Amino acid sequence: MRLIHNENLSFDGAIENGNFEIDNIGTLYLAGLDDFKNESVIIYPIPTKDVIYIKTNSSTIDSIEIYDFLGRKKNVKHSNLYEVDLSNLENGIYLLKIFSENGMLTRKIIKS
């Protein structure tokens, strides 16, 4: 759950619709957006020479993407979504985006 507070927002009572909730002091709670981020996702080894492994407790990974720090999507090989071969990438720092039914998670990975 993500919290957003706006001191300029005020009203009597609270609003809740399943996607968000606003309490009576103006704090907005966005439900579900950080569920995937809060569950255990383990990415190892970091740094890596060639392959990284992804382990999650409950979510099924739908897709993964790797980006360099200039925002260019990189082509990587993976036989499954839990083992990613980075051997075709140059050494450096990349962003790994993991997509699941619970949202998207971004982690920094290092290839050395």
PDB file of N, CA and C in Angstrom:
ATOM      1  N   MET A   1       0.845  -1.165   0.000  1.00  0.00           N
ATOM      2  CA  MET A   1       0.000   0.000   0.000  1.00  0.00           C
ATOM      3  C   MET A   1       0.894   1.232   0.000  1.00  0.00           C
ATOM      4  N   ARG A   2       0.592   2.193  -0.840  1.00  0.00           N
ATOM      5  CA  ARG A   2       1.358   3.424  -0.933  1.00  0.00           C
ATOM      6  C   ARG A   2       0.582   4.536  -0.258  1.00  0.00           C
ATOM      7  N   LEU A   3       1.256   5.360   0.499  1.00  0.00           N
ATOM      8  CA  LEU A   3       0.623   6.469   1.210  1.00  0.00           C
ATOM      9  C   LEU A   3       0.982   7.782   0.540  1.00  0.00           C
ATOM     10  N   ILE A   4      -0.015   8.600   0.303  1.00  0.00           N
ATOM     11  CA  ILE A   4       0.199   9.939  -0.233  1.00  0.00           C
ATOM     12  C   ILE A   4      -0.575  10.889   0.664  1.00  0.00           C
ATOM     13  N   HIS A   5       0.097  11.899   1.182  1.00  0.00           N
ATOM     14  CA  HIS A   5      -0.579  12.821   2.088  1.00  0.00           C
ATOM     15  C   HIS A   5      -0.584  14.223   1.487  1.00  0.00           C
ATOM     16  N   ASN A   6      -1.734  14.855   1.498  1.00  0.00           N
ATOM     17  CA  ASN A   6      -1.887  16.204   0.988  1.00  0.00           C
ATOM     18  C   ASN A   6      -2.540  17.036   2.077  1.00  0.00           C
ATOM     19  N   GLU A   7      -1.791  17.938   2.682  1.00  0.00           N
ATOM     20  CA  GLU A   7      -2.314  18.754   3.771  1.00  0.00           C
ATOM     21  C   GLU A   7      -3.414  19.703   3.315  1.00  0.00           C
ATOM     22  N   ASN A   8      -3.464  20.021   2.025  1.00  0.00           N
ATOM     23  CA  ASN A   8      -4.474  20.942   1.510  1.00  0.00           C
ATOM     24  C   ASN A   8      -5.822  20.267   1.280  1.00  0.00           C
ATOM     25  N   LEU A   9      -5.853  18.950   1.322  1.00  0.00           N
ATOM     26  CA  LEU A   9      -7.076  18.202   1.111  1.00  0.00           C
ATOM     27  C   LEU A   9      -7.746  17.953   2.457  1.00  0.00           C
ATOM     28  N   SER A  10      -8.980  18.383   2.595  1.00  0.00           N
ATOM     29  CA  SER A  10      -9.695  18.110   3.836  1.00  0.00           C
ATOM     30  C   SER A  10     -11.181  17.989   3.550  1.00  0.00           C
ATOM     31  N   PHE A  11     -11.832  17.111   4.252  1.00  0.00           N
ATOM     32  CA  PHE A  11     -13.270  16.924   4.132  1.00  0.00           C
ATOM     33  C   PHE A  11     -13.705  16.096   5.328  1.00  0.00           C
ATOM     34  N   ASP A  12     -14.982  15.994   5.521  1.00  0.00           N
ATOM     35  CA  ASP A  12     -15.518  15.208   6.626  1.00  0.00           C
ATOM     36  C   ASP A  12     -15.692  13.761   6.186  1.00  0.00           C
ATOM     37  N   GLY A  13     -15.287  12.838   7.035  1.00  0.00           N
ATOM     38  CA  GLY A  13     -15.479  11.424   6.739  1.00  0.00           C
ATOM     39  C   GLY A  13     -14.328  10.831   5.963  1.00  0.00           C
ATOM     40  N   ALA A  14     -14.565   9.673   5.385  1.00  0.00           N
ATOM     41  CA  ALA A  14     -13.554   8.952   4.624  1.00  0.00           C
ATOM     42  C   ALA A  14     -14.199   8.376   3.373  1.00  0.00           C
ATOM     43  N   ILE A  15     -13.382   8.093   2.366  1.00  0.00           N
ATOM     44  CA  ILE A  15     -13.854   7.506   1.118  1.00  0.00           C
ATOM     45  C   ILE A  15     -13.078   6.217   0.900  1.00  0.00           C
ATOM     46  N   GLU A  16     -13.781   5.163   0.490  1.00  0.00           N
ATOM     47  CA  GLU A  16     -13.122   3.909   0.163  1.00  0.00           C
ATOM     48  C   GLU A  16     -13.865   3.279  -1.001  1.00  0.00           C
ATOM     49  N   ASN A  17     -13.139   2.891  -2.069  1.00  0.00           N
ATOM     50  CA  ASN A  17     -13.811   2.276  -3.204  1.00  0.00           C
ATOM     51  C   ASN A  17     -13.158   0.970  -3.652  1.00  0.00           C
ATOM     52  N   GLY A  18     -12.217   0.421  -2.897  1.00  0.00           N
ATOM     53  CA  GLY A  18     -11.542  -0.811  -3.281  1.00  0.00           C
ATOM     54  C   GLY A  18     -10.203  -0.568  -3.944  1.00  0.00           C
ATOM     55  N   ASN A  19     -10.070   0.517  -4.702  1.00  0.00           N
ATOM     56  CA  ASN A  19      -8.800   0.851  -5.334  1.00  0.00           C
ATOM     57  C   ASN A  19      -7.998   1.845  -4.515  1.00  0.00           C
ATOM     58  N   PHE A  20      -8.702   2.685  -3.776  1.00  0.00           N
ATOM     59  CA  PHE A  20      -8.014   3.639  -2.925  1.00  0.00           C
ATOM     60  C   PHE A  20      -8.893   3.972  -1.733  1.00  0.00           C
ATOM     61  N   GLU A  21      -8.260   4.593  -0.759  1.00  0.00           N
ATOM     62  CA  GLU A  21      -8.975   5.039   0.435  1.00  0.00           C
ATOM     63  C   GLU A  21      -8.400   6.378   0.844  1.00  0.00           C
ATOM     64  N   ILE A  22      -9.257   7.314   1.189  1.00  0.00           N
ATOM     65  CA  ILE A  22      -8.807   8.604   1.710  1.00  0.00           C
ATOM     66  C   ILE A  22      -9.366   8.726   3.115  1.00  0.00           C
ATOM     67  N   ASP A  23      -8.474   8.900   4.084  1.00  0.00           N
ATOM     68  CA  ASP A  23      -8.964   9.042   5.456  1.00  0.00           C
ATOM     69  C   ASP A  23      -9.393  10.482   5.719  1.00  0.00           C
ATOM     70  N   ASN A  24      -9.878  10.743   6.913  1.00  0.00           N
ATOM     71  CA  ASN A  24     -10.453  12.058   7.192  1.00  0.00           C
ATOM     72  C   ASN A  24      -9.420  13.160   7.390  1.00  0.00           C
ATOM     73  N   ILE A  25      -8.121  12.844   7.336  1.00  0.00           N
ATOM     74  CA  ILE A  25      -7.115  13.911   7.395  1.00  0.00           C
ATOM     75  C   ILE A  25      -6.414  14.088   6.049  1.00  0.00           C
ATOM     76  N   GLY A  26      -6.931  13.419   5.002  1.00  0.00           N
ATOM     77  CA  GLY A  26      -6.406  13.659   3.656  1.00  0.00           C
ATOM     78  C   GLY A  26      -5.282  12.753   3.217  1.00  0.00           C
ATOM     79  N   THR A  27      -5.067  11.625   3.884  1.00  0.00           N
ATOM     80  CA  THR A  27      -4.051  10.682   3.432  1.00  0.00           C
ATOM     81  C   THR A  27      -4.687   9.712   2.456  1.00  0.00           C
ATOM     82  N   LEU A  28      -4.100   9.594   1.280  1.00  0.00           N
ATOM     83  CA  LEU A  28      -4.597   8.712   0.234  1.00  0.00           C
ATOM     84  C   LEU A  28      -3.820   7.406   0.293  1.00  0.00           C
ATOM     85  N   TYR A  29      -4.536   6.288   0.378  1.00  0.00           N
ATOM     86  CA  TYR A  29      -3.929   4.962   0.391  1.00  0.00           C
ATOM     87  C   TYR A  29      -4.265   4.284  -0.928  1.00  0.00           C
ATOM     88  N   LEU A  30      -3.249   4.012  -1.747  1.00  0.00           N
ATOM     89  CA  LEU A  30      -3.463   3.340  -3.022  1.00  0.00           C
ATOM     90  C   LEU A  30      -3.284   1.848  -2.798  1.00  0.00           C
ATOM     91  N   ALA A  31      -4.359   1.121  -2.786  1.00  0.00           N
ATOM     92  CA  ALA A  31      -4.324  -0.303  -2.459  1.00  0.00           C
ATOM     93  C   ALA A  31      -3.789  -1.119  -3.614  1.00  0.00           C
ATOM     94  N   GLY A  32      -2.976  -2.114  -3.293  1.00  0.00           N
ATOM     95  CA  GLY A  32      -2.544  -3.087  -4.268  1.00  0.00           C
ATOM     96  C   GLY A  32      -1.340  -2.719  -5.096  1.00  0.00           C
ATOM     97  N   LEU A  33      -0.947  -1.463  -5.157  1.00  0.00           N
ATOM     98  CA  LEU A  33       0.146  -1.081  -6.042  1.00  0.00           C
ATOM     99  C   LEU A  33       1.497  -1.616  -5.595  1.00  0.00           C
ATOM    100  N   ASP A  34       1.697  -1.756  -4.307  1.00  0.00           N
ATOM    101  CA  ASP A  34       2.992  -2.205  -3.829  1.00  0.00           C
ATOM    102  C   ASP A  34       2.971  -3.631  -3.313  1.00  0.00           C
ATOM    103  N   ASP A  35       1.903  -4.373  -3.569  1.00  0.00           N
ATOM    104  CA  ASP A  35       1.826  -5.741  -3.072  1.00  0.00           C
ATOM    105  C   ASP A  35       2.994  -6.574  -3.566  1.00  0.00           C
ATOM    106  N   PHE A  36       3.326  -6.471  -4.855  1.00  0.00           N
ATOM    107  CA  PHE A  36       4.415  -7.244  -5.422  1.00  0.00           C
ATOM    108  C   PHE A  36       5.754  -6.791  -4.841  1.00  0.00           C
ATOM    109  N   LYS A  37       5.900  -5.488  -4.611  1.00  0.00           N
ATOM    110  CA  LYS A  37       7.150  -4.970  -4.071  1.00  0.00           C
ATOM    111  C   LYS A  37       7.386  -5.447  -2.638  1.00  0.00           C
ATOM    112  N   ASN A  38       6.299  -5.645  -1.896  1.00  0.00           N
ATOM    113  CA  ASN A  38       6.439  -6.016  -0.495  1.00  0.00           C
ATOM    114  C   ASN A  38       6.663  -7.503  -0.287  1.00  0.00           C
ATOM    115  N   GLU A  39       6.354  -8.324  -1.275  1.00  0.00           N
ATOM    116  CA  GLU A  39       6.586  -9.745  -1.080  1.00  0.00           C
ATOM    117  C   GLU A  39       8.050 -10.055  -1.332  1.00  0.00           C
ATOM    118  N   SER A  40       8.488 -11.183  -0.878  1.00  0.00           N
ATOM    119  CA  SER A  40       9.892 -11.539  -1.008  1.00  0.00           C
ATOM    120  C   SER A  40      10.243 -11.880  -2.451  1.00  0.00           C
ATOM    121  N   VAL A  41      11.100 -11.087  -3.048  1.00  0.00           N
ATOM    122  CA  VAL A  41      11.662 -11.368  -4.364  1.00  0.00           C
ATOM    123  C   VAL A  41      13.172 -11.356  -4.190  1.00  0.00           C
ATOM    124  N   ILE A  42      13.791 -12.478  -4.508  1.00  0.00           N
ATOM    125  CA  ILE A  42      15.238 -12.611  -4.355  1.00  0.00           C
ATOM    126  C   ILE A  42      15.844 -12.729  -5.748  1.00  0.00           C
ATOM    127  N   ILE A  43      16.831 -11.883  -6.016  1.00  0.00           N
ATOM    128  CA  ILE A  43      17.557 -11.904  -7.281  1.00  0.00           C
ATOM    129  C   ILE A  43      19.023 -12.133  -6.930  1.00  0.00           C
ATOM    130  N   TYR A  44      19.616 -13.168  -7.491  1.00  0.00           N
ATOM    131  CA  TYR A  44      20.989 -13.519  -7.130  1.00  0.00           C
ATOM    132  C   TYR A  44      21.682 -14.202  -8.297  1.00  0.00           C
ATOM    133  N   PRO A  45      22.991 -14.247  -8.354  1.00  0.00           N
ATOM    134  CA  PRO A  45      23.940 -13.449  -7.575  1.00  0.00           C
ATOM    135  C   PRO A  45      24.073 -12.057  -8.184  1.00  0.00           C
ATOM    136  N   ILE A  46      24.304 -11.098  -7.332  1.00  0.00           N
ATOM    137  CA  ILE A  46      24.562  -9.730  -7.779  1.00  0.00           C
ATOM    138  C   ILE A  46      25.821  -9.264  -7.066  1.00  0.00           C
ATOM    139  N   PRO A  47      26.870  -8.917  -7.767  1.00  0.00           N
ATOM    140  CA  PRO A  47      27.003  -8.909  -9.227  1.00  0.00           C
ATOM    141  C   PRO A  47      27.073 -10.329  -9.790  1.00  0.00           C
ATOM    142  N   THR A  48      26.850 -10.435 -11.086  1.00  0.00           N
ATOM    143  CA  THR A  48      26.901 -11.724 -11.764  1.00  0.00           C
ATOM    144  C   THR A  48      27.829 -11.646 -12.957  1.00  0.00           C
ATOM    145  N   LYS A  49      28.321 -12.788 -13.372  1.00  0.00           N
ATOM    146  CA  LYS A  49      29.119 -12.848 -14.591  1.00  0.00           C
ATOM    147  C   LYS A  49      28.238 -13.135 -15.804  1.00  0.00           C
ATOM    148  N   ASP A  50      27.273 -14.051 -15.646  1.00  0.00           N
ATOM    149  CA  ASP A  50      26.461 -14.438 -16.795  1.00  0.00           C
ATOM    150  C   ASP A  50      24.973 -14.614 -16.503  1.00  0.00           C
ATOM    151  N   VAL A  51      24.620 -15.287 -15.422  1.00  0.00           N
ATOM    152  CA  VAL A  51      23.228 -15.671 -15.191  1.00  0.00           C
ATOM    153  C   VAL A  51      22.745 -15.125 -13.857  1.00  0.00           C
ATOM    154  N   ILE A  52      21.512 -14.598 -13.842  1.00  0.00           N
ATOM    155  CA  ILE A  52      20.863 -14.245 -12.581  1.00  0.00           C
ATOM    156  C   ILE A  52      19.655 -15.159 -12.405  1.00  0.00           C
ATOM    157  N   TYR A  53      19.321 -15.397 -11.158  1.00  0.00           N
ATOM    158  CA  TYR A  53      18.182 -16.234 -10.807  1.00  0.00           C
ATOM    159  C   TYR A  53      17.190 -15.379 -10.029  1.00  0.00           C
ATOM    160  N   ILE A  54      15.907 -15.615 -10.273  1.00  0.00           N
ATOM    161  CA  ILE A  54      14.845 -14.859  -9.617  1.00  0.00           C
ATOM    162  C   ILE A  54      13.976 -15.847  -8.850  1.00  0.00           C
ATOM    163  N   LYS A  55      13.752 -15.542  -7.589  1.00  0.00           N
ATOM    164  CA  LYS A  55      12.931 -16.404  -6.743  1.00  0.00           C
ATOM    165  C   LYS A  55      11.863 -15.541  -6.082  1.00  0.00           C
ATOM    166  N   THR A  56      10.597 -15.957  -6.171  1.00  0.00           N
ATOM    167  CA  THR A  56       9.503 -15.248  -5.518  1.00  0.00           C
ATOM    168  C   THR A  56       8.752 -16.214  -4.609  1.00  0.00           C
ATOM    169  N   ASN A  57       8.119 -15.662  -3.583  1.00  0.00           N
ATOM    170  CA  ASN A  57       7.365 -16.499  -2.656  1.00  0.00           C
ATOM    171  C   ASN A  57       6.010 -16.908  -3.196  1.00  0.00           C
ATOM    172  N   SER A  58       5.299 -15.979  -3.820  1.00  0.00           N
ATOM    173  CA  SER A  58       3.931 -16.315  -4.198  1.00  0.00           C
ATOM    174  C   SER A  58       3.536 -15.919  -5.607  1.00  0.00           C
ATOM    175  N   SER A  59       4.100 -14.883  -6.167  1.00  0.00           N
ATOM    176  CA  SER A  59       3.666 -14.413  -7.487  1.00  0.00           C
ATOM    177  C   SER A  59       4.277 -15.238  -8.606  1.00  0.00           C
ATOM    178  N   THR A  60       3.512 -15.389  -9.652  1.00  0.00           N
ATOM    179  CA  THR A  60       4.012 -15.991 -10.875  1.00  0.00           C
ATOM    180  C   THR A  60       4.518 -14.859 -11.757  1.00  0.00           C
ATOM    181  N   ILE A  61       5.720 -14.993 -12.257  1.00  0.00           N
ATOM    182  CA  ILE A  61       6.295 -13.963 -13.116  1.00  0.00           C
ATOM    183  C   ILE A  61       5.693 -14.107 -14.504  1.00  0.00           C
ATOM    184  N   ASP A  62       5.136 -13.004 -15.022  1.00  0.00           N
ATOM    185  CA  ASP A  62       4.546 -13.003 -16.359  1.00  0.00           C
ATOM    186  C   ASP A  62       5.584 -12.689 -17.426  1.00  0.00           C
ATOM    187  N   SER A  63       6.454 -11.719 -17.146  1.00  0.00           N
ATOM    188  CA  SER A  63       7.498 -11.353 -18.106  1.00  0.00           C
ATOM    189  C   SER A  63       8.593 -10.581 -17.391  1.00  0.00           C
ATOM    190  N   ILE A  64       9.737 -10.499 -18.054  1.00  0.00           N
ATOM    191  CA  ILE A  64      10.863  -9.726 -17.537  1.00  0.00           C
ATOM    192  C   ILE A  64      11.442  -8.903 -18.671  1.00  0.00           C
ATOM    193  N   GLU A  65      12.029  -7.775 -18.304  1.00  0.00           N
ATOM    194  CA  GLU A  65      12.708  -6.910 -19.265  1.00  0.00           C
ATOM    195  C   GLU A  65      13.970  -6.375 -18.618  1.00  0.00           C
ATOM    196  N   ILE A  66      15.003  -6.174 -19.416  1.00  0.00           N
ATOM    197  CA  ILE A  66      16.272  -5.608 -18.956  1.00  0.00           C
ATOM    198  C   ILE A  66      16.512  -4.314 -19.733  1.00  0.00           C
ATOM    199  N   TYR A  67      16.881  -3.250 -19.012  1.00  0.00           N
ATOM    200  CA  TYR A  67      17.166  -1.949 -19.624  1.00  0.00           C
ATOM    201  C   TYR A  67      18.532  -1.458 -19.169  1.00  0.00           C
ATOM    202  N   ASP A  68      19.229  -0.749 -20.070  1.00  0.00           N
ATOM    203  CA  ASP A  68      20.437  -0.059 -19.635  1.00  0.00           C
ATOM    204  C   ASP A  68      20.010   1.279 -19.033  1.00  0.00           C
ATOM    205  N   PHE A  69      20.972   2.035 -18.515  1.00  0.00           N
ATOM    206  CA  PHE A  69      20.617   3.277 -17.841  1.00  0.00           C
ATOM    207  C   PHE A  69      20.274   4.423 -18.800  1.00  0.00           C
ATOM    208  N   LEU A  70      20.363   4.167 -20.097  1.00  0.00           N
ATOM    209  CA  LEU A  70      19.886   5.140 -21.078  1.00  0.00           C
ATOM    210  C   LEU A  70      18.457   4.818 -21.500  1.00  0.00           C
ATOM    211  N   GLY A  71      17.876   3.781 -20.892  1.00  0.00           N
ATOM    212  CA  GLY A  71      16.497   3.415 -21.177  1.00  0.00           C
ATOM    213  C   GLY A  71      16.309   2.498 -22.366  1.00  0.00           C
ATOM    214  N   ARG A  72      17.401   1.950 -22.887  1.00  0.00           N
ATOM    215  CA  ARG A  72      17.297   1.051 -24.033  1.00  0.00           C
ATOM    216  C   ARG A  72      17.029  -0.369 -23.559  1.00  0.00           C
ATOM    217  N   LYS A  73      15.992  -0.974 -24.122  1.00  0.00           N
ATOM    218  CA  LYS A  73      15.661  -2.353 -23.773  1.00  0.00           C
ATOM    219  C   LYS A  73      16.699  -3.283 -24.383  1.00  0.00           C
ATOM    220  N   LYS A  74      17.171  -4.246 -23.586  1.00  0.00           N
ATOM    221  CA  LYS A  74      18.201  -5.179 -24.018  1.00  0.00           C
ATOM    222  C   LYS A  74      17.581  -6.541 -24.295  1.00  0.00           C
ATOM    223  N   ASN A  75      18.107  -7.213 -25.298  1.00  0.00           N
ATOM    224  CA  ASN A  75      17.670  -8.576 -25.582  1.00  0.00           C
ATOM    225  C   ASN A  75      18.499  -9.540 -24.762  1.00  0.00           C
ATOM    226  N   VAL A  76      17.833 -10.351 -23.971  1.00  0.00           N
ATOM    227  CA  VAL A  76      18.511 -11.352 -23.162  1.00  0.00           C
ATOM    228  C   VAL A  76      17.830 -12.697 -23.384  1.00  0.00           C
ATOM    229  N   LYS A  77      18.587 -13.748 -23.125  1.00  0.00           N
ATOM    230  CA  LYS A  77      18.060 -15.100 -23.294  1.00  0.00           C
ATOM    231  C   LYS A  77      17.570 -15.614 -21.949  1.00  0.00           C
ATOM    232  N   HIS A  78      16.454 -16.315 -21.985  1.00  0.00           N
ATOM    233  CA  HIS A  78      16.017 -17.010 -20.782  1.00  0.00           C
ATOM    234  C   HIS A  78      15.202 -18.223 -21.181  1.00  0.00           C
ATOM    235  N   SER A  79      15.568 -19.360 -20.584  1.00  0.00           N
ATOM    236  CA  SER A  79      14.827 -20.591 -20.862  1.00  0.00           C
ATOM    237  C   SER A  79      13.516 -20.591 -20.083  1.00  0.00           C
ATOM    238  N   ASN A  80      13.516 -19.893 -18.958  1.00  0.00           N
ATOM    239  CA  ASN A  80      12.297 -19.677 -18.183  1.00  0.00           C
ATOM    240  C   ASN A  80      12.410 -18.296 -17.560  1.00  0.00           C
ATOM    241  N   LEU A  81      11.378 -17.841 -16.897  1.00  0.00           N
ATOM    242  CA  LEU A  81      11.372 -16.474 -16.365  1.00  0.00           C
ATOM    243  C   LEU A  81      12.061 -16.365 -15.005  1.00  0.00           C
ATOM    244  N   TYR A  82      12.675 -17.438 -14.549  1.00  0.00           N
ATOM    245  CA  TYR A  82      13.339 -17.432 -13.251  1.00  0.00           C
ATOM    246  C   TYR A  82      14.855 -17.569 -13.380  1.00  0.00           C
ATOM    247  N   GLU A  83      15.342 -17.660 -14.623  1.00  0.00           N
ATOM    248  CA  GLU A  83      16.774 -17.777 -14.902  1.00  0.00           C
ATOM    249  C   GLU A  83      17.074 -16.967 -16.153  1.00  0.00           C
ATOM    250  N   VAL A  84      17.888 -15.903 -16.008  1.00  0.00           N
ATOM    251  CA  VAL A  84      18.130 -14.978 -17.108  1.00  0.00           C
ATOM    252  C   VAL A  84      19.613 -14.972 -17.456  1.00  0.00           C
ATOM    253  N   ASP A  85      19.913 -15.229 -18.717  1.00  0.00           N
ATOM    254  CA  ASP A  85      21.285 -15.259 -19.214  1.00  0.00           C
ATOM    255  C   ASP A  85      21.678 -13.866 -19.697  1.00  0.00           C
ATOM    256  N   LEU A  86      22.659 -13.269 -19.027  1.00  0.00           N
ATOM    257  CA  LEU A  86      23.127 -11.927 -19.371  1.00  0.00           C
ATOM    258  C   LEU A  86      24.460 -11.959 -20.113  1.00  0.00           C
ATOM    259  N   SER A  87      24.872 -13.118 -20.590  1.00  0.00           N
ATOM    260  CA  SER A  87      26.209 -13.262 -21.177  1.00  0.00           C
ATOM    261  C   SER A  87      26.410 -12.391 -22.417  1.00  0.00           C
ATOM    262  N   ASN A  88      25.337 -12.020 -23.110  1.00  0.00           N
ATOM    263  CA  ASN A  88      25.495 -11.183 -24.300  1.00  0.00           C
ATOM    264  C   ASN A  88      25.573  -9.693 -23.970  1.00  0.00           C
ATOM    265  N   LEU A  89      25.424  -9.315 -22.700  1.00  0.00           N
ATOM    266  CA  LEU A  89      25.501  -7.912 -22.303  1.00  0.00           C
ATOM    267  C   LEU A  89      26.915  -7.541 -21.896  1.00  0.00           C
ATOM    268  N   GLU A  90      27.269  -6.270 -22.113  1.00  0.00           N
ATOM    269  CA  GLU A  90      28.548  -5.759 -21.628  1.00  0.00           C
ATOM    270  C   GLU A  90      28.487  -5.605 -20.118  1.00  0.00           C
ATOM    271  N   ASN A  91      29.647  -5.589 -19.479  1.00  0.00           N
ATOM    272  CA  ASN A  91      29.685  -5.340 -18.038  1.00  0.00           C
ATOM    273  C   ASN A  91      29.095  -3.971 -17.747  1.00  0.00           C
ATOM    274  N   GLY A  92      28.318  -3.880 -16.682  1.00  0.00           N
ATOM    275  CA  GLY A  92      27.717  -2.608 -16.320  1.00  0.00           C
ATOM    276  C   GLY A  92      26.524  -2.789 -15.406  1.00  0.00           C
ATOM    277  N   ILE A  93      25.798  -1.711 -15.206  1.00  0.00           N
ATOM    278  CA  ILE A  93      24.617  -1.696 -14.345  1.00  0.00           C
ATOM    279  C   ILE A  93      23.378  -1.636 -15.230  1.00  0.00           C
ATOM    280  N   TYR A  94      22.395  -2.470 -14.912  1.00  0.00           N
ATOM    281  CA  TYR A  94      21.166  -2.561 -15.686  1.00  0.00           C
ATOM    282  C   TYR A  94      19.963  -2.525 -14.743  1.00  0.00           C
ATOM    283  N   LEU A  95      18.805  -2.264 -15.310  1.00  0.00           N
ATOM    284  CA  LEU A  95      17.559  -2.333 -14.561  1.00  0.00           C
ATOM    285  C   LEU A  95      16.790  -3.560 -15.015  1.00  0.00           C
ATOM    286  N   LEU A  96      16.392  -4.372 -14.057  1.00  0.00           N
ATOM    287  CA  LEU A  96      15.583  -5.555 -14.314  1.00  0.00           C
ATOM    288  C   LEU A  96      14.153  -5.227 -13.925  1.00  0.00           C
ATOM    289  N   LYS A  97      13.218  -5.366 -14.857  1.00  0.00           N
ATOM    290  CA  LYS A  97      11.804  -5.147 -14.569  1.00  0.00           C
ATOM    291  C   LYS A  97      11.120  -6.502 -14.591  1.00  0.00           C
ATOM    292  N   ILE A  98      10.431  -6.804 -13.497  1.00  0.00           N
ATOM    293  CA  ILE A  98       9.713  -8.062 -13.360  1.00  0.00           C
ATOM    294  C   ILE A  98       8.225  -7.743 -13.322  1.00  0.00           C
ATOM    295  N   PHE A  99       7.451  -8.368 -14.201  1.00  0.00           N
ATOM    296  CA  PHE A  99       6.015  -8.136 -14.272  1.00  0.00           C
ATOM    297  C   PHE A  99       5.280  -9.372 -13.776  1.00  0.00           C
ATOM    298  N   SER A 100       4.268  -9.158 -12.921  1.00  0.00           N
ATOM    299  CA  SER A 100       3.419 -10.252 -12.451  1.00  0.00           C
ATOM    300  C   SER A 100       1.997  -9.739 -12.347  1.00  0.00           C
ATOM    301  N   GLU A 101       1.083 -10.601 -11.959  1.00  0.00           N
ATOM    302  CA  GLU A 101      -0.308 -10.166 -11.806  1.00  0.00           C
ATOM    303  C   GLU A 101      -0.445  -9.154 -10.683  1.00  0.00           C
ATOM    304  N   ASN A 102       0.551  -9.067  -9.797  1.00  0.00           N
ATOM    305  CA  ASN A 102       0.511  -8.124  -8.680  1.00  0.00           C
ATOM    306  C   ASN A 102       1.193  -6.804  -8.981  1.00  0.00           C
ATOM    307  N   GLY A 103       1.689  -6.618 -10.192  1.00  0.00           N
ATOM    308  CA  GLY A 103       2.320  -5.355 -10.532  1.00  0.00           C
ATOM    309  C   GLY A 103       3.689  -5.523 -11.148  1.00  0.00           C
ATOM    310  N   MET A 104       4.480  -4.467 -11.068  1.00  0.00           N
ATOM    311  CA  MET A 104       5.825  -4.463 -11.635  1.00  0.00           C
ATOM    312  C   MET A 104       6.824  -4.127 -10.541  1.00  0.00           C
ATOM    313  N   LEU A 105       7.964  -4.783 -10.589  1.00  0.00           N
ATOM    314  CA  LEU A 105       9.043  -4.558  -9.652  1.00  0.00           C
ATOM    315  C   LEU A 105      10.300  -4.243 -10.459  1.00  0.00           C
ATOM    316  N   THR A 106      11.035  -3.208 -10.074  1.00  0.00           N
ATOM    317  CA  THR A 106      12.280  -2.843 -10.748  1.00  0.00           C
ATOM    318  C   THR A 106      13.427  -2.995  -9.782  1.00  0.00           C
ATOM    319  N   ARG A 107      14.478  -3.681 -10.196  1.00  0.00           N
ATOM    320  CA  ARG A 107      15.677  -3.853  -9.374  1.00  0.00           C
ATOM    321  C   ARG A 107      16.916  -3.557 -10.207  1.00  0.00           C
ATOM    322  N   LYS A 108      17.937  -3.057  -9.548  1.00  0.00           N
ATOM    323  CA  LYS A 108      19.225  -2.802 -10.191  1.00  0.00           C
ATOM    324  C   LYS A 108      20.024  -4.097 -10.169  1.00  0.00           C
ATOM    325  N   ILE A 109      20.630  -4.445 -11.299  1.00  0.00           N
ATOM    326  CA  ILE A 109      21.513  -5.610 -11.362  1.00  0.00           C
ATOM    327  C   ILE A 109      22.860  -5.169 -11.929  1.00  0.00           C
ATOM    328  N   ILE A 110      23.886  -5.889 -11.568  1.00  0.00           N
ATOM    329  CA  ILE A 110      25.247  -5.557 -12.005  1.00  0.00           C
ATOM    330  C   ILE A 110      25.836  -6.774 -12.705  1.00  0.00           C
ATOM    331  N   LYS A 111      26.335  -6.551 -13.921  1.00  0.00           N
ATOM    332  CA  LYS A 111      27.057  -7.600 -14.637  1.00  0.00           C
ATOM    333  C   LYS A 111      28.525  -7.236 -14.606  1.00  0.00           C
ATOM    334  N   SER A 112      29.342  -8.191 -14.141  1.00  0.00           N
ATOM    335  CA  SER A 112      30.782  -7.899 -14.047  1.00  0.00           C
ATOM    336  C   SER A 112      31.591  -8.924 -14.833  1.00  0.00           C
TER     337      SER A 112
END
